Amino acid sequence: MKSLITLFIVSTALLLSGCNTVKGMGQDIQKAGEKIEGAAKK
């Protein structure tokens, strides 16, 4: 039972950290797109 709870906690932690990583990557891509858009307007 303890190993099942430990597995659940570790899986949840990995999932949450993965979401933060994907969110950060999306923000970086968005910022790069904004810079390209700004350069295209000049």
C-alpha atoms as a PDB file:
ATOM      1  CA  MET A   1       0.000   0.000   0.000  1.00  0.00           C
ATOM      2  CA  LYS A   2       2.828   2.400   0.831  1.00  0.00           C
ATOM      3  CA  SER A   3       4.505   1.782  -2.513  1.00  0.00           C
ATOM      4  CA  LEU A   4       1.242   2.554  -4.322  1.00  0.00           C
ATOM      5  CA  ILE A   5       0.898   5.869  -2.493  1.00  0.00           C
ATOM      6  CA  THR A   6       4.545   6.698  -3.194  1.00  0.00           C
ATOM      7  CA  LEU A   7       4.079   5.898  -6.880  1.00  0.00           C
ATOM      8  CA  PHE A   8       1.002   8.127  -7.007  1.00  0.00           C
ATOM      9  CA  ILE A   9       2.827  11.044  -5.351  1.00  0.00           C
ATOM     10  CA  VAL A  10       5.842  10.735  -7.646  1.00  0.00           C
ATOM     11  CA  SER A  11       3.617  10.498 -10.728  1.00  0.00           C
ATOM     12  CA  THR A  12       1.665  13.578  -9.668  1.00  0.00           C
ATOM     13  CA  ALA A  13       4.860  15.544  -9.064  1.00  0.00           C
ATOM     14  CA  LEU A  14       6.220  14.602 -12.496  1.00  0.00           C
ATOM     15  CA  LEU A  15       2.947  15.505 -14.174  1.00  0.00           C
ATOM     16  CA  LEU A  16       2.818  18.904 -12.512  1.00  0.00           C
ATOM     17  CA  SER A  17       6.426  19.705 -13.325  1.00  0.00           C
ATOM     18  CA  GLY A  18       5.794  18.641 -16.922  1.00  0.00           C
ATOM     19  CA  CYS A  19       2.869  21.050 -17.171  1.00  0.00           C
ATOM     20  CA  ASN A  20       5.059  23.892 -15.962  1.00  0.00           C
ATOM     21  CA  THR A  21       7.663  23.023 -18.555  1.00  0.00           C
ATOM     22  CA  VAL A  22       5.155  22.949 -21.412  1.00  0.00           C
ATOM     23  CA  LYS A  23       3.614  26.226 -20.225  1.00  0.00           C
ATOM     24  CA  GLY A  24       7.043  27.881 -20.128  1.00  0.00           C
ATOM     25  CA  MET A  25       7.888  26.598 -23.587  1.00  0.00           C
ATOM     26  CA  GLY A  26       4.591  27.977 -24.905  1.00  0.00           C
ATOM     27  CA  GLN A  27       5.356  31.377 -23.415  1.00  0.00           C
ATOM     28  CA  ASP A  28       8.815  31.389 -25.032  1.00  0.00           C
ATOM     29  CA  ILE A  29       7.319  30.538 -28.425  1.00  0.00           C
ATOM     30  CA  GLN A  30       4.739  33.284 -27.999  1.00  0.00           C
ATOM     31  CA  LYS A  31       7.424  35.871 -27.202  1.00  0.00           C
ATOM     32  CA  ALA A  32       9.458  34.797 -30.224  1.00  0.00           C
ATOM     33  CA  GLY A  33       6.361  35.148 -32.410  1.00  0.00           C
ATOM     34  CA  GLU A  34       5.741  38.643 -31.078  1.00  0.00           C
ATOM     35  CA  LYS A  35       9.316  39.668 -31.920  1.00  0.00           C
ATOM     36  CA  ILE A  36       8.975  38.281 -35.456  1.00  0.00           C
ATOM     37  CA  GLU A  37       5.678  40.120 -35.846  1.00  0.00           C
ATOM     38  CA  GLY A  38       7.279  43.350 -34.645  1.00  0.00           C
ATOM     39  CA  ALA A  39      10.140  42.965 -37.092  1.00  0.00           C
ATOM     40  CA  ALA A  40       7.703  42.323 -39.945  1.00  0.00           C
ATOM     41  CA  LYS A  41       5.809  45.550 -39.172  1.00  0.00           C
ATOM     42  CA  LYS A  42       9.002  47.655 -39.462  1.00  0.00           C
END
